[in-house]
Protein backbone atom coordinates (compact mmCIF):
# COMPACT_ATOMS: atom_id res chain seq x y z
CA UNK A 1 -11.50 -2.77 9.77
CA UNK A 2 -10.83 -5.43 12.37
CA UNK A 3 -11.36 -8.29 9.92
CA UNK A 4 -8.84 -6.85 7.48
CA UNK A 5 -6.36 -6.28 10.31
CA UNK A 6 -6.77 -9.87 11.46
CA UNK A 7 -6.20 -11.16 7.91
CA UNK A 8 -3.18 -8.89 7.47
CA UNK A 9 -1.81 -10.10 10.80
CA UNK A 10 -1.43 -13.65 9.47
CA UNK A 11 0.10 -12.44 6.22
CA UNK A 12 2.47 -10.16 8.10
CA UNK A 13 4.04 -12.96 10.06
CA UNK A 14 4.13 -15.24 7.02
CA UNK A 15 6.09 -12.60 5.14
CA UNK A 16 8.33 -11.76 8.12
CA UNK A 17 6.81 -8.31 8.74
CA UNK A 18 5.13 -7.45 12.01
CA UNK A 19 4.79 -3.70 12.37
CA UNK A 20 1.44 -2.88 13.95
CA UNK A 21 0.73 0.59 15.31
CA UNK A 22 -2.08 2.18 17.28
CA UNK A 23 -3.99 4.53 15.00
CA UNK A 24 -6.43 6.39 17.26
CA UNK A 25 -5.90 8.91 20.03
CA UNK A 26 -7.17 6.52 22.73
CA UNK A 27 -4.77 3.76 21.54
CA UNK A 28 -7.53 1.17 21.21
CA UNK A 29 -7.40 0.55 17.45
CA UNK A 30 -4.39 -0.80 15.65
CA UNK A 31 -3.39 -1.36 12.07
CA UNK A 32 -0.85 -3.44 10.16
CA UNK A 33 1.69 -1.03 8.69
CA UNK A 34 3.08 -2.76 5.65
CA UNK A 35 6.81 -2.26 5.41
CA UNK A 36 6.58 -2.98 1.68
CA UNK A 37 4.56 0.26 1.44
CA UNK A 38 7.36 2.21 3.12
CA UNK A 39 6.11 2.15 6.73
CA UNK A 40 8.93 1.46 9.16
CA UNK A 41 7.93 3.11 12.44
CA UNK A 42 4.95 4.01 14.62
CA UNK A 43 4.31 7.52 15.87
CA UNK A 44 2.44 9.47 18.48
CA UNK A 45 2.26 13.25 18.20
CA UNK A 46 1.59 15.72 21.01
CA UNK A 47 0.61 19.35 21.25
CA UNK A 48 2.51 21.86 23.40
CA UNK A 49 0.45 20.85 26.45
CA UNK A 50 1.41 17.19 26.12
CA UNK A 51 -1.96 15.99 24.81
CA UNK A 52 -2.00 13.29 22.15
CA UNK A 53 -3.16 14.67 18.81
CA UNK A 54 -2.48 11.64 16.60
CA UNK A 55 -1.12 8.10 16.43
CA UNK A 56 -0.33 5.92 13.46
CA UNK A 57 2.10 4.41 10.99
CA UNK A 58 5.06 6.40 9.74
CA UNK A 59 7.57 6.23 6.92
CA UNK A 60 10.05 8.14 9.10
CA UNK A 61 13.41 6.40 9.36
CA UNK A 62 15.70 9.04 10.89
CA UNK A 63 15.24 11.72 13.53
CA UNK A 64 15.27 15.46 13.05
CA UNK A 65 15.68 15.53 9.28
CA UNK A 66 12.81 18.01 9.08
CA UNK A 67 14.19 21.54 8.66
CA UNK A 68 11.58 22.77 11.16
CA UNK A 69 12.85 20.74 14.11
CA UNK A 70 13.82 22.70 17.22
CA UNK A 71 15.70 21.97 20.40
CA UNK A 72 14.09 21.71 23.85
CA UNK A 73 10.88 23.71 24.07
CA UNK A 74 7.73 23.77 26.25
CA UNK A 75 9.51 21.48 28.70
CA UNK A 76 10.03 18.74 26.12
CA UNK A 77 13.65 17.58 25.94
CA UNK A 78 15.83 17.48 22.85
CA UNK A 79 16.92 14.02 21.73
CA UNK A 80 20.69 13.56 21.69
CA UNK A 81 20.15 11.50 18.53
CA UNK A 82 19.00 14.64 16.66
CA UNK A 83 22.55 15.95 16.43
CA UNK A 84 23.57 13.08 14.16
CA UNK A 85 20.12 12.41 12.66
CA UNK A 86 20.30 8.81 13.86
CA UNK A 87 17.96 6.08 12.76
CA UNK A 88 14.98 5.48 15.00
CA UNK A 89 16.03 2.58 17.27
CA UNK A 90 14.52 -0.88 16.90
CA UNK A 91 14.32 -1.77 20.60
CA UNK A 92 11.28 -0.74 22.65
CA UNK A 93 12.24 2.82 23.20
CA UNK A 94 10.87 5.92 21.69
CA UNK A 95 12.75 8.82 20.24
CA UNK A 96 11.15 12.18 19.74
CA UNK A 97 11.61 15.39 17.83
CA UNK A 98 10.10 18.82 18.36
CA UNK A 99 8.75 20.60 15.29
CA UNK A 100 7.45 24.12 14.79
CA UNK A 101 5.72 24.51 11.44
CA UNK A 102 3.61 27.51 10.45
CA UNK A 103 3.68 28.71 14.07
CA UNK A 104 2.36 25.43 15.54
CA UNK A 105 4.34 23.16 17.84
CA UNK A 106 4.19 19.38 17.59
CA UNK A 107 6.25 16.79 19.43
CA UNK A 108 6.43 13.54 17.49
CA UNK A 109 7.69 10.34 19.08
CA UNK A 110 8.65 7.33 16.99
CA UNK A 111 9.27 3.66 17.75
CA UNK A 112 9.73 0.46 15.75
CA UNK A 113 8.13 -2.40 17.68
CA UNK A 114 4.68 -3.90 17.45
CA UNK A 115 2.13 -1.62 19.18
CA UNK A 116 4.90 0.47 20.72
CA UNK A 117 3.16 3.84 20.33
CA UNK A 118 0.74 3.59 23.22
CA UNK A 119 2.59 5.25 26.10
CA UNK A 120 5.75 7.32 26.11
CA UNK A 121 7.15 8.53 29.39
CA UNK A 122 6.22 7.72 32.98
CA UNK A 123 2.51 8.40 32.56
CA UNK A 124 0.00 7.50 29.86
CA UNK A 125 0.44 10.90 28.29
CA UNK A 126 3.67 12.89 28.17
CA UNK A 127 2.65 15.97 30.09
CA UNK A 128 5.49 18.42 30.25
CA UNK A 129 3.53 21.54 31.11
CA UNK A 130 2.33 20.39 34.52
CA UNK A 131 5.71 20.49 36.25
CA UNK A 132 6.89 23.73 34.66
CA UNK A 133 4.13 26.22 35.54
CA UNK A 134 6.43 29.07 36.56
CA UNK A 135 9.01 28.49 33.86
CA UNK A 136 6.62 28.03 30.93
CA UNK A 137 6.79 31.64 29.71
CA UNK A 138 10.54 31.78 30.26
CA UNK A 139 10.99 28.62 28.16
CA UNK A 140 8.89 30.14 25.38
CA UNK A 141 11.02 33.30 25.34
CA UNK A 142 14.26 31.32 25.29
CA UNK A 143 12.93 29.18 22.44
CA UNK A 144 11.90 32.23 20.43
CA UNK A 145 15.33 33.81 20.93
CA UNK A 146 16.95 30.54 19.81
CA UNK A 147 14.86 30.54 16.61
CA UNK A 148 15.93 34.09 15.77
């Protein structure tokens, strides 16, 4: 609701909180993510082809704590911050993790600034598959071997 968001916007700055995140795939709607409710980052998630599948508020604070995270796969890089499970940075920069759960791949990118989850990468959508046509199957095989 736009009216509720507008009202929350004023309260957010009065209380010193200002985390707003895009909440729809097209990144046209945003929402106040109340830090008092545990939200501390924004997210955008992608499928293996680099298409956005969700955006929103997140309670995630550190990278790669999920036991299902994997290293580089489908052309998506592995964050160097995953090794130490670092906190998601505050400056306008995203950090991402790759997850395989129940046989499905998801890349989830997090950020901590107001409306920071619109674009990640050089283009509006992170599209890893386009520049790896010939190596796509090879990357899948290597990733499967790594998981074994």
